[in-house]
Amino acid sequence: MPPGSVPAGTAPGRATCSFTPTLAAHFNENLIKHVQGWPAEHVEKQASRLREEAHTMGSIYMSENCTELKNLRSLVRVCEIQATLREQRILFLRQQIKELEKLKNQNSFMV
């Protein structure tokens, strides 16, 4: 093995990398053989997929909640408008009652 490079067979499926001469002097393949080929890549892919699914499901639930919240806000606004209209009708009817009583009193003086 030339100084500054890693043999191609050390990490199957991975690109070879080269070390500086200082680092190459400290590299010992025997120290990392026991961790090569671990199922870490499979676990990382599975964790990534699960994280993506959790994110997708969270986004779906958040969208549903936001939609429901907007719908409920609209219902509250409709109720507020209806209450305002009722109050205006009541005020209008009270005003009408006062005017009718005033006209009734005027008519009773005339008779």
PDB file of N, CA and C in Angstrom:
ATOM      1  N   MET A   1       0.856  -1.177   0.000  1.00  0.00           N
ATOM      2  CA  MET A   1       0.000   0.000   0.000  1.00  0.00           C
ATOM      3  C   MET A   1       0.896   1.231   0.000  1.00  0.00           C
ATOM      4  N   PRO A   2       0.707   2.139  -0.965  1.00  0.00           N
ATOM      5  CA  PRO A   2       1.529   3.343  -0.980  1.00  0.00           C
ATOM      6  C   PRO A   2       1.099   4.262   0.143  1.00  0.00           C
ATOM      7  N   PRO A   3       2.025   4.996   0.724  1.00  0.00           N
ATOM      8  CA  PRO A   3       1.629   5.909   1.794  1.00  0.00           C
ATOM      9  C   PRO A   3       0.682   6.963   1.269  1.00  0.00           C
ATOM     10  N   GLY A   4      -0.342   7.243   2.072  1.00  0.00           N
ATOM     11  CA  GLY A   4      -1.297   8.286   1.686  1.00  0.00           C
ATOM     12  C   GLY A   4      -2.525   7.750   1.006  1.00  0.00           C
ATOM     13  N   SER A   5      -2.705   6.417   0.880  1.00  0.00           N
ATOM     14  CA  SER A   5      -3.915   5.886   0.266  1.00  0.00           C
ATOM     15  C   SER A   5      -4.396   4.683   1.049  1.00  0.00           C
ATOM     16  N   VAL A   6      -5.673   4.352   0.840  1.00  0.00           N
ATOM     17  CA  VAL A   6      -6.298   3.223   1.515  1.00  0.00           C
ATOM     18  C   VAL A   6      -6.562   2.181   0.457  1.00  0.00           C
ATOM     19  N   PRO A   7      -6.313   0.907   0.719  1.00  0.00           N
ATOM     20  CA  PRO A   7      -6.568  -0.118  -0.291  1.00  0.00           C
ATOM     21  C   PRO A   7      -8.044  -0.148  -0.668  1.00  0.00           C
ATOM     22  N   ALA A   8      -8.330  -0.506  -1.925  1.00  0.00           N
ATOM     23  CA  ALA A   8      -9.690  -0.471  -2.450  1.00  0.00           C
ATOM     24  C   ALA A   8     -10.598  -1.477  -1.769  1.00  0.00           C
ATOM     25  N   GLY A   9     -10.104  -2.569  -1.237  1.00  0.00           N
ATOM     26  CA  GLY A   9     -10.938  -3.608  -0.642  1.00  0.00           C
ATOM     27  C   GLY A   9     -11.327  -3.346   0.794  1.00  0.00           C
ATOM     28  N   THR A  10     -10.934  -2.250   1.391  1.00  0.00           N
ATOM     29  CA  THR A  10     -11.218  -2.029   2.809  1.00  0.00           C
ATOM     30  C   THR A  10     -12.666  -1.687   3.064  1.00  0.00           C
ATOM     31  N   ALA A  11     -13.297  -0.973   2.211  1.00  0.00           N
ATOM     32  CA  ALA A  11     -14.694  -0.585   2.419  1.00  0.00           C
ATOM     33  C   ALA A  11     -15.480  -0.898   1.162  1.00  0.00           C
ATOM     34  N   PRO A  12     -16.103  -2.085   1.091  1.00  0.00           N
ATOM     35  CA  PRO A  12     -16.827  -2.439  -0.125  1.00  0.00           C
ATOM     36  C   PRO A  12     -17.964  -1.476  -0.389  1.00  0.00           C
ATOM     37  N   GLY A  13     -18.106  -1.054  -1.643  1.00  0.00           N
ATOM     38  CA  GLY A  13     -19.183  -0.165  -2.032  1.00  0.00           C
ATOM     39  C   GLY A  13     -18.903   1.287  -1.725  1.00  0.00           C
ATOM     40  N   ARG A  14     -17.772   1.590  -1.159  1.00  0.00           N
ATOM     41  CA  ARG A  14     -17.448   2.974  -0.842  1.00  0.00           C
ATOM     42  C   ARG A  14     -16.283   3.431  -1.698  1.00  0.00           C
ATOM     43  N   ALA A  15     -16.256   4.703  -1.966  1.00  0.00           N
ATOM     44  CA  ALA A  15     -15.160   5.258  -2.751  1.00  0.00           C
ATOM     45  C   ALA A  15     -13.895   5.275  -1.906  1.00  0.00           C
ATOM     46  N   THR A  16     -12.780   5.053  -2.564  1.00  0.00           N
ATOM     47  CA  THR A  16     -11.523   5.094  -1.830  1.00  0.00           C
ATOM     48  C   THR A  16     -11.168   6.528  -1.523  1.00  0.00           C
ATOM     49  N   CYS A  17     -10.470   6.713  -0.425  1.00  0.00           N
ATOM     50  CA  CYS A  17     -10.047   8.052  -0.068  1.00  0.00           C
ATOM     51  C   CYS A  17      -8.551   8.003   0.222  1.00  0.00           C
ATOM     52  N   SER A  18      -7.955   9.125   0.184  1.00  0.00           N
ATOM     53  CA  SER A  18      -6.513   9.162   0.441  1.00  0.00           C
ATOM     54  C   SER A  18      -6.253  10.032   1.658  1.00  0.00           C
ATOM     55  N   PHE A  19      -5.209   9.657   2.384  1.00  0.00           N
ATOM     56  CA  PHE A  19      -4.806  10.387   3.571  1.00  0.00           C
ATOM     57  C   PHE A  19      -3.556  11.205   3.277  1.00  0.00           C
ATOM     58  N   THR A  20      -3.378  12.188   4.081  1.00  0.00           N
ATOM     59  CA  THR A  20      -2.103  12.902   4.006  1.00  0.00           C
ATOM     60  C   THR A  20      -1.036  11.965   4.555  1.00  0.00           C
ATOM     61  N   PRO A  21       0.208  12.168   4.211  1.00  0.00           N
ATOM     62  CA  PRO A  21       1.260  11.263   4.715  1.00  0.00           C
ATOM     63  C   PRO A  21       1.283  11.180   6.231  1.00  0.00           C
ATOM     64  N   THR A  22       0.959  12.276   6.931  1.00  0.00           N
ATOM     65  CA  THR A  22       0.960  12.254   8.392  1.00  0.00           C
ATOM     66  C   THR A  22      -0.149  11.344   8.916  1.00  0.00           C
ATOM     67  N   LEU A  23      -1.350  11.456   8.324  1.00  0.00           N
ATOM     68  CA  LEU A  23      -2.454  10.599   8.755  1.00  0.00           C
ATOM     69  C   LEU A  23      -2.244   9.155   8.336  1.00  0.00           C
ATOM     70  N   ALA A  24      -1.676   8.940   7.173  1.00  0.00           N
ATOM     71  CA  ALA A  24      -1.444   7.575   6.698  1.00  0.00           C
ATOM     72  C   ALA A  24      -0.528   6.818   7.649  1.00  0.00           C
ATOM     73  N   ALA A  25       0.362   7.506   8.297  1.00  0.00           N
ATOM     74  CA  ALA A  25       1.263   6.852   9.243  1.00  0.00           C
ATOM     75  C   ALA A  25       0.493   6.338  10.455  1.00  0.00           C
ATOM     76  N   HIS A  26      -0.647   6.929  10.772  1.00  0.00           N
ATOM     77  CA  HIS A  26      -1.438   6.525  11.934  1.00  0.00           C
ATOM     78  C   HIS A  26      -2.578   5.576  11.576  1.00  0.00           C
ATOM     79  N   PHE A  27      -2.800   5.312  10.294  1.00  0.00           N
ATOM     80  CA  PHE A  27      -3.902   4.463   9.868  1.00  0.00           C
ATOM     81  C   PHE A  27      -3.525   3.000  10.027  1.00  0.00           C
ATOM     82  N   ASN A  28      -4.390   2.241  10.674  1.00  0.00           N
ATOM     83  CA  ASN A  28      -4.171   0.803  10.828  1.00  0.00           C
ATOM     84  C   ASN A  28      -5.493   0.118  10.536  1.00  0.00           C
ATOM     85  N   GLU A  29      -5.561  -0.600   9.429  1.00  0.00           N
ATOM     86  CA  GLU A  29      -6.802  -1.236   8.990  1.00  0.00           C
ATOM     87  C   GLU A  29      -7.292  -2.280   9.991  1.00  0.00           C
ATOM     88  N   ASN A  30      -6.388  -2.912  10.719  1.00  0.00           N
ATOM     89  CA  ASN A  30      -6.789  -3.934  11.695  1.00  0.00           C
ATOM     90  C   ASN A  30      -7.656  -3.349  12.810  1.00  0.00           C
ATOM     91  N   LEU A  31      -7.520  -2.059  13.040  1.00  0.00           N
ATOM     92  CA  LEU A  31      -8.294  -1.443  14.112  1.00  0.00           C
ATOM     93  C   LEU A  31      -9.745  -1.165  13.720  1.00  0.00           C
ATOM     94  N   ILE A  32     -10.030  -1.168  12.439  1.00  0.00           N
ATOM     95  CA  ILE A  32     -11.398  -0.863  12.011  1.00  0.00           C
ATOM     96  C   ILE A  32     -12.108  -2.035  11.362  1.00  0.00           C
ATOM     97  N   LYS A  33     -11.427  -3.172  11.192  1.00  0.00           N
ATOM     98  CA  LYS A  33     -12.057  -4.323  10.537  1.00  0.00           C
ATOM     99  C   LYS A  33     -13.304  -4.790  11.276  1.00  0.00           C
ATOM    100  N   HIS A  34     -13.301  -4.702  12.593  1.00  0.00           N
ATOM    101  CA  HIS A  34     -14.438  -5.216  13.364  1.00  0.00           C
ATOM    102  C   HIS A  34     -15.709  -4.391  13.181  1.00  0.00           C
ATOM    103  N   VAL A  35     -15.582  -3.163  12.683  1.00  0.00           N
ATOM    104  CA  VAL A  35     -16.781  -2.353  12.468  1.00  0.00           C
ATOM    105  C   VAL A  35     -17.157  -2.244  11.003  1.00  0.00           C
ATOM    106  N   GLN A  36     -16.338  -2.772  10.117  1.00  0.00           N
ATOM    107  CA  GLN A  36     -16.682  -2.740   8.698  1.00  0.00           C
ATOM    108  C   GLN A  36     -17.745  -3.785   8.416  1.00  0.00           C
ATOM    109  N   GLY A  37     -18.707  -3.428   7.596  1.00  0.00           N
ATOM    110  CA  GLY A  37     -19.754  -4.362   7.226  1.00  0.00           C
ATOM    111  C   GLY A  37     -20.873  -4.467   8.254  1.00  0.00           C
ATOM    112  N   TRP A  38     -20.894  -3.624   9.255  1.00  0.00           N
ATOM    113  CA  TRP A  38     -21.995  -3.628  10.206  1.00  0.00           C
ATOM    114  C   TRP A  38     -23.275  -3.219   9.485  1.00  0.00           C
ATOM    115  N   PRO A  39     -24.418  -3.580  10.027  1.00  0.00           N
ATOM    116  CA  PRO A  39     -25.687  -3.206   9.372  1.00  0.00           C
ATOM    117  C   PRO A  39     -26.066  -1.742   9.629  1.00  0.00           C
ATOM    118  N   ALA A  40     -25.095  -0.907   9.914  1.00  0.00           N
ATOM    119  CA  ALA A  40     -25.393   0.489  10.224  1.00  0.00           C
ATOM    120  C   ALA A  40     -26.048   1.191   9.044  1.00  0.00           C
ATOM    121  N   GLU A  41     -25.603   0.862   7.853  1.00  0.00           N
ATOM    122  CA  GLU A  41     -26.169   1.529   6.684  1.00  0.00           C
ATOM    123  C   GLU A  41     -27.654   1.188   6.548  1.00  0.00           C
ATOM    124  N   HIS A  42     -27.982  -0.088   6.775  1.00  0.00           N
ATOM    125  CA  HIS A  42     -29.386  -0.509   6.720  1.00  0.00           C
ATOM    126  C   HIS A  42     -30.198   0.199   7.800  1.00  0.00           C
ATOM    127  N   VAL A  43     -29.648   0.274   9.003  1.00  0.00           N
ATOM    128  CA  VAL A  43     -30.340   0.929  10.109  1.00  0.00           C
ATOM    129  C   VAL A  43     -30.499   2.418   9.828  1.00  0.00           C
ATOM    130  N   GLU A  44     -29.463   3.037   9.259  1.00  0.00           N
ATOM    131  CA  GLU A  44     -29.558   4.457   8.924  1.00  0.00           C
ATOM    132  C   GLU A  44     -30.629   4.703   7.874  1.00  0.00           C
ATOM    133  N   LYS A  45     -30.702   3.823   6.878  1.00  0.00           N
ATOM    134  CA  LYS A  45     -31.738   3.971   5.847  1.00  0.00           C
ATOM    135  C   LYS A  45     -33.128   3.800   6.458  1.00  0.00           C
ATOM    136  N   GLN A  46     -33.246   2.799   7.335  1.00  0.00           N
ATOM    137  CA  GLN A  46     -34.534   2.556   7.988  1.00  0.00           C
ATOM    138  C   GLN A  46     -34.923   3.752   8.865  1.00  0.00           C
ATOM    139  N   ALA A  47     -33.953   4.262   9.613  1.00  0.00           N
ATOM    140  CA  ALA A  47     -34.229   5.425  10.462  1.00  0.00           C
ATOM    141  C   ALA A  47     -34.599   6.640   9.619  1.00  0.00           C
ATOM    142  N   SER A  48     -33.914   6.808   8.503  1.00  0.00           N
ATOM    143  CA  SER A  48     -34.219   7.928   7.610  1.00  0.00           C
ATOM    144  C   SER A  48     -35.626   7.793   7.039  1.00  0.00           C
ATOM    145  N   ARG A  49     -35.973   6.561   6.636  1.00  0.00           N
ATOM    146  CA  ARG A  49     -37.315   6.320   6.091  1.00  0.00           C
ATOM    147  C   ARG A  49     -38.378   6.572   7.150  1.00  0.00           C
ATOM    148  N   LEU A  50     -38.130   6.082   8.376  1.00  0.00           N
ATOM    149  CA  LEU A  50     -39.094   6.302   9.458  1.00  0.00           C
ATOM    150  C   LEU A  50     -39.216   7.777   9.811  1.00  0.00           C
ATOM    151  N   ARG A  51     -38.086   8.483   9.795  1.00  0.00           N
ATOM    152  CA  ARG A  51     -38.129   9.925  10.063  1.00  0.00           C
ATOM    153  C   ARG A  51     -38.944  10.636   8.987  1.00  0.00           C
ATOM    154  N   GLU A  52     -38.728  10.235   7.735  1.00  0.00           N
ATOM    155  CA  GLU A  52     -39.477  10.846   6.626  1.00  0.00           C
ATOM    156  C   GLU A  52     -40.971  10.547   6.758  1.00  0.00           C
ATOM    157  N   GLU A  53     -41.304   9.301   7.114  1.00  0.00           N
ATOM    158  CA  GLU A  53     -42.718   8.944   7.303  1.00  0.00           C
ATOM    159  C   GLU A  53     -43.334   9.731   8.455  1.00  0.00           C
ATOM    160  N   ALA A  54     -42.578   9.861   9.546  1.00  0.00           N
ATOM    161  CA  ALA A  54     -43.082  10.622  10.687  1.00  0.00           C
ATOM    162  C   ALA A  54     -43.297  12.076  10.299  1.00  0.00           C
ATOM    163  N   HIS A  55     -42.372  12.621   9.517  1.00  0.00           N
ATOM    164  CA  HIS A  55     -42.514  14.009   9.062  1.00  0.00           C
ATOM    165  C   HIS A  55     -43.738  14.151   8.163  1.00  0.00           C
ATOM    166  N   THR A  56     -43.920  13.182   7.262  1.00  0.00           N
ATOM    167  CA  THR A  56     -45.069  13.219   6.351  1.00  0.00           C
ATOM    168  C   THR A  56     -46.376  13.115   7.132  1.00  0.00           C
ATOM    169  N   MET A  57     -46.433  12.166   8.076  1.00  0.00           N
ATOM    170  CA  MET A  57     -47.654  12.011   8.865  1.00  0.00           C
ATOM    171  C   MET A  57     -47.908  13.259   9.711  1.00  0.00           C
ATOM    172  N   GLY A  58     -46.853  13.813  10.279  1.00  0.00           N
ATOM    173  CA  GLY A  58     -47.006  15.046  11.052  1.00  0.00           C
ATOM    174  C   GLY A  58     -47.537  16.175  10.189  1.00  0.00           C
ATOM    175  N   SER A  59     -47.029  16.256   8.957  1.00  0.00           N
ATOM    176  CA  SER A  59     -47.505  17.304   8.042  1.00  0.00           C
ATOM    177  C   SER A  59     -48.970  17.104   7.696  1.00  0.00           C
ATOM    178  N   ILE A  60     -49.351  15.847   7.486  1.00  0.00           N
ATOM    179  CA  ILE A  60     -50.757  15.556   7.164  1.00  0.00           C
ATOM    180  C   ILE A  60     -51.651  15.934   8.343  1.00  0.00           C
ATOM    181  N   TYR A  61     -51.266  15.509   9.550  1.00  0.00           N
ATOM    182  CA  TYR A  61     -52.076  15.843  10.732  1.00  0.00           C
ATOM    183  C   TYR A  61     -52.128  17.350  10.952  1.00  0.00           C
ATOM    184  N   MET A  62     -51.004  18.024  10.732  1.00  0.00           N
ATOM    185  CA  MET A  62     -50.972  19.477  10.904  1.00  0.00           C
ATOM    186  C   MET A  62     -51.891  20.149   9.892  1.00  0.00           C
ATOM    187  N   SER A  63     -51.872  19.670   8.653  1.00  0.00           N
ATOM    188  CA  SER A  63     -52.759  20.236   7.630  1.00  0.00           C
ATOM    189  C   SER A  63     -54.219  20.029   8.001  1.00  0.00           C
ATOM    190  N   GLU A  64     -54.536  18.816   8.489  1.00  0.00           N
ATOM    191  CA  GLU A  64     -55.920  18.544   8.897  1.00  0.00           C
ATOM    192  C   GLU A  64     -56.327  19.456  10.054  1.00  0.00           C
ATOM    193  N   ASN A  65     -55.433  19.611  11.023  1.00  0.00           N
ATOM    194  CA  ASN A  65     -55.755  20.482  12.163  1.00  0.00           C
ATOM    195  C   ASN A  65     -55.916  21.929  11.735  1.00  0.00           C
ATOM    196  N   CYS A  66     -55.050  22.402  10.846  1.00  0.00           N
ATOM    197  CA  CYS A  66     -55.163  23.783  10.365  1.00  0.00           C
ATOM    198  C   CYS A  66     -56.469  23.989   9.605  1.00  0.00           C
ATOM    199  N   THR A  67     -56.831  23.007   8.784  1.00  0.00           N
ATOM    200  CA  THR A  67     -58.084  23.104   8.035  1.00  0.00           C
ATOM    201  C   THR A  67     -59.274  23.129   8.986  1.00  0.00           C
ATOM    202  N   GLU A  68     -59.248  22.245   9.988  1.00  0.00           N
ATOM    203  CA  GLU A  68     -60.343  22.217  10.959  1.00  0.00           C
ATOM    204  C   GLU A  68     -60.402  23.525  11.749  1.00  0.00           C
ATOM    205  N   LEU A  69     -59.243  24.051  12.117  1.00  0.00           N
ATOM    206  CA  LEU A  69     -59.209  25.312  12.853  1.00  0.00           C
ATOM    207  C   LEU A  69     -59.785  26.450  12.014  1.00  0.00           C
ATOM    208  N   LYS A  70     -59.433  26.511  10.729  1.00  0.00           N
ATOM    209  CA  LYS A  70     -59.995  27.552   9.855  1.00  0.00           C
ATOM    210  C   LYS A  70     -61.503  27.399   9.745  1.00  0.00           C
ATOM    211  N   ASN A  71     -61.964  26.152   9.630  1.00  0.00           N
ATOM    212  CA  ASN A  71     -63.402  25.906   9.546  1.00  0.00           C
ATOM    213  C   ASN A  71     -64.093  26.380  10.824  1.00  0.00           C
ATOM    214  N   LEU A  72     -63.517  26.051  11.965  1.00  0.00           N
ATOM    215  CA  LEU A  72     -64.120  26.463  13.235  1.00  0.00           C
ATOM    216  C   LEU A  72     -64.086  27.984  13.400  1.00  0.00           C
ATOM    217  N   ARG A  73     -63.006  28.618  12.943  1.00  0.00           N
ATOM    218  CA  ARG A  73     -62.954  30.090  12.985  1.00  0.00           C
ATOM    219  C   ARG A  73     -64.062  30.688  12.135  1.00  0.00           C
ATOM    220  N   SER A  74     -64.295  30.075  10.970  1.00  0.00           N
ATOM    221  CA  SER A  74     -65.372  30.558  10.105  1.00  0.00           C
ATOM    222  C   SER A  74     -66.720  30.417  10.799  1.00  0.00           C
ATOM    223  N   LEU A  75     -66.928  29.291  11.481  1.00  0.00           N
ATOM    224  CA  LEU A  75     -68.198  29.095  12.198  1.00  0.00           C
ATOM    225  C   LEU A  75     -68.353  30.120  13.312  1.00  0.00           C
ATOM    226  N   VAL A  76     -67.264  30.407  14.011  1.00  0.00           N
ATOM    227  CA  VAL A  76     -67.320  31.418  15.073  1.00  0.00           C
ATOM    228  C   VAL A  76     -67.662  32.777  14.471  1.00  0.00           C
ATOM    229  N   ARG A  77     -67.040  33.086  13.351  1.00  0.00           N
ATOM    230  CA  ARG A  77     -67.315  34.381  12.695  1.00  0.00           C
ATOM    231  C   ARG A  77     -68.771  34.470  12.257  1.00  0.00           C
ATOM    232  N   VAL A  78     -69.308  33.374  11.720  1.00  0.00           N
ATOM    233  CA  VAL A  78     -70.725  33.353  11.318  1.00  0.00           C
ATOM    234  C   VAL A  78     -71.608  33.596  12.533  1.00  0.00           C
ATOM    235  N   CYS A  79     -71.285  32.943  13.652  1.00  0.00           N
ATOM    236  CA  CYS A  79     -72.073  33.138  14.879  1.00  0.00           C
ATOM    237  C   CYS A  79     -71.974  34.584  15.367  1.00  0.00           C
ATOM    238  N   GLU A  80     -70.791  35.170  15.276  1.00  0.00           N
ATOM    239  CA  GLU A  80     -70.631  36.578  15.676  1.00  0.00           C
ATOM    240  C   GLU A  80     -71.471  37.492  14.792  1.00  0.00           C
ATOM    241  N   ILE A  81     -71.475  37.238  13.498  1.00  0.00           N
ATOM    242  CA  ILE A  81     -72.270  38.063  12.570  1.00  0.00           C
ATOM    243  C   ILE A  81     -73.754  37.902  12.864  1.00  0.00           C
ATOM    244  N   GLN A  82     -74.190  36.650  13.102  1.00  0.00           N
ATOM    245  CA  GLN A  82     -75.604  36.420  13.413  1.00  0.00           C
ATOM    246  C   GLN A  82     -75.997  37.113  14.713  1.00  0.00           C
ATOM    247  N   ALA A  83     -75.121  37.089  15.712  1.00  0.00           N
ATOM    248  CA  ALA A  83     -75.418  37.761  16.976  1.00  0.00           C
ATOM    249  C   ALA A  83     -75.508  39.269  16.767  1.00  0.00           C
ATOM    250  N   THR A  84     -74.628  39.811  15.954  1.00  0.00           N
ATOM    251  CA  THR A  84     -74.673  41.253  15.667  1.00  0.00           C
ATOM    252  C   THR A  84     -75.973  41.611  14.950  1.00  0.00           C
ATOM    253  N   LEU A  85     -76.375  40.791  13.994  1.00  0.00           N
ATOM    254  CA  LEU A  85     -77.637  41.051  13.281  1.00  0.00           C
ATOM    255  C   LEU A  85     -78.826  40.987  14.237  1.00  0.00           C
ATOM    256  N   ARG A  86     -78.826  40.015  15.157  1.00  0.00           N
ATOM    257  CA  ARG A  86     -79.909  39.926  16.141  1.00  0.00           C
ATOM    258  C   ARG A  86     -79.953  41.179  17.009  1.00  0.00           C
ATOM    259  N   GLU A  87     -78.777  41.610  17.452  1.00  0.00           N
ATOM    260  CA  GLU A  87     -78.726  42.827  18.281  1.00  0.00           C
ATOM    261  C   GLU A  87     -79.250  44.027  17.505  1.00  0.00           C
ATOM    262  N   GLN A  88     -78.871  44.128  16.234  1.00  0.00           N
ATOM    263  CA  GLN A  88     -79.353  45.248  15.417  1.00  0.00           C
ATOM    264  C   GLN A  88     -80.870  45.176  15.218  1.00  0.00           C
ATOM    265  N   ARG A  89     -81.390  43.973  15.016  1.00  0.00           N
ATOM    266  CA  ARG A  89     -82.845  43.818  14.886  1.00  0.00           C
ATOM    267  C   ARG A  89     -83.553  44.234  16.166  1.00  0.00           C
ATOM    268  N   ILE A  90     -82.995  43.800  17.287  1.00  0.00           N
ATOM    269  CA  ILE A  90     -83.599  44.156  18.577  1.00  0.00           C
ATOM    270  C   ILE A  90     -83.596  45.669  18.754  1.00  0.00           C
ATOM    271  N   LEU A  91     -82.458  46.302  18.455  1.00  0.00           N
ATOM    272  CA  LEU A  91     -82.388  47.766  18.581  1.00  0.00           C
ATOM    273  C   LEU A  91     -83.373  48.435  17.632  1.00  0.00           C
ATOM    274  N   PHE A  92     -83.470  47.917  16.408  1.00  0.00           N
ATOM    275  CA  PHE A  92     -84.403  48.484  15.440  1.00  0.00           C
ATOM    276  C   PHE A  92     -85.838  48.333  15.932  1.00  0.00           C
ATOM    277  N   LEU A  93     -86.174  47.131  16.428  1.00  0.00           N
ATOM    278  CA  LEU A  93     -87.539  46.901  16.911  1.00  0.00           C
ATOM    279  C   LEU A  93     -87.860  47.767  18.132  1.00  0.00           C
ATOM    280  N   ARG A  94     -86.895  47.949  19.022  1.00  0.00           N
ATOM    281  CA  ARG A  94     -87.121  48.842  20.174  1.00  0.00           C
ATOM    282  C   ARG A  94     -87.382  50.268  19.707  1.00  0.00           C
ATOM    283  N   GLN A  95     -86.614  50.682  18.690  1.00  0.00           N
ATOM    284  CA  GLN A  95     -86.814  52.031  18.138  1.00  0.00           C
ATOM    285  C   GLN A  95     -88.204  52.133  17.517  1.00  0.00           C
ATOM    286  N   GLN A  96     -88.617  51.101  16.805  1.00  0.00           N
ATOM    287  CA  GLN A  96     -89.942  51.086  16.201  1.00  0.00           C
ATOM    288  C   GLN A  96     -91.033  51.139  17.267  1.00  0.00           C
ATOM    289  N   ILE A  97     -90.825  50.389  18.359  1.00  0.00           N
ATOM    290  CA  ILE A  97     -91.805  50.385  19.458  1.00  0.00           C
ATOM    291  C   ILE A  97     -91.918  51.785  20.048  1.00  0.00           C
ATOM    292  N   LYS A  98     -90.795  52.446  20.253  1.00  0.00           N
ATOM    293  CA  LYS A  98     -90.830  53.813  20.802  1.00  0.00           C
ATOM    294  C   LYS A  98     -91.574  54.754  19.867  1.00  0.00           C
ATOM    295  N   GLU A  99     -91.296  54.634  18.578  1.00  0.00           N
ATOM    296  CA  GLU A  99     -91.984  55.520  17.624  1.00  0.00           C
ATOM    297  C   GLU A  99     -93.475  55.228  17.579  1.00  0.00           C
ATOM    298  N   LEU A 100     -93.835  53.937  17.631  1.00  0.00           N
ATOM    299  CA  LEU A 100     -95.267  53.588  17.631  1.00  0.00           C
ATOM    300  C   LEU A 100     -95.965  54.079  18.895  1.00  0.00           C
ATOM    301  N   GLU A 101     -95.294  53.978  20.035  1.00  0.00           N
ATOM    302  CA  GLU A 101     -95.892  54.478  21.270  1.00  0.00           C
ATOM    303  C   GLU A 101     -96.030  55.994  21.217  1.00  0.00           C
ATOM    304  N   LYS A 102     -95.033  56.638  20.617  1.00  0.00           N
ATOM    305  CA  LYS A 102     -95.112  58.096  20.488  1.00  0.00           C
ATOM    306  C   LYS A 102     -96.297  58.472  19.598  1.00  0.00           C
ATOM    307  N   LEU A 103     -96.459  57.749  18.466  1.00  0.00           N
ATOM    308  CA  LEU A 103     -97.597  58.018  17.579  1.00  0.00           C
ATOM    309  C   LEU A 103     -98.925  57.679  18.269  1.00  0.00           C
ATOM    310  N   LYS A 104     -98.939  56.634  19.046  1.00  0.00           N
ATOM    311  CA  LYS A 104    -100.151  56.250  19.764  1.00  0.00           C
ATOM    312  C   LYS A 104    -100.530  57.337  20.767  1.00  0.00           C
ATOM    313  N   ASN A 105     -99.550  57.864  21.485  1.00  0.00           N
ATOM    314  CA  ASN A 105     -99.818  58.938  22.444  1.00  0.00           C
ATOM    315  C   ASN A 105    -100.305  60.194  21.726  1.00  0.00           C
ATOM    316  N   GLN A 106     -99.709  60.486  20.562  1.00  0.00           N
ATOM    317  CA  GLN A 106    -100.151  61.662  19.799  1.00  0.00           C
ATOM    318  C   GLN A 106    -101.594  61.470  19.320  1.00  0.00           C
ATOM    319  N   ASN A 107    -101.930  60.284  18.882  1.00  0.00           N
ATOM    320  CA  ASN A 107    -103.287  59.997  18.405  1.00  0.00           C
ATOM    321  C   ASN A 107    -104.294  60.063  19.556  1.00  0.00           C
ATOM    322  N   SER A 108    -103.882  59.633  20.734  1.00  0.00           N
ATOM    323  CA  SER A 108    -104.813  59.664  21.845  1.00  0.00           C
ATOM    324  C   SER A 108    -105.106  61.101  22.273  1.00  0.00           C
ATOM    325  N   PHE A 109    -104.140  62.021  22.092  1.00  0.00           N
ATOM    326  CA  PHE A 109    -104.416  63.439  22.372  1.00  0.00           C
ATOM    327  C   PHE A 109    -105.343  64.032  21.359  1.00  0.00           C
ATOM    328  N   MET A 110    -105.264  63.572  20.135  1.00  0.00           N
ATOM    329  CA  MET A 110    -106.087  64.123  19.060  1.00  0.00           C
ATOM    330  C   MET A 110    -107.540  63.668  19.160  1.00  0.00           C
ATOM    331  N   VAL A 111    -107.771  62.530  19.720  1.00  0.00           N
ATOM    332  CA  VAL A 111    -109.132  62.016  19.751  1.00  0.00           C
ATOM    333  C   VAL A 111    -109.933  62.627  20.847  1.00  0.00           C
TER     334      VAL A 111
END
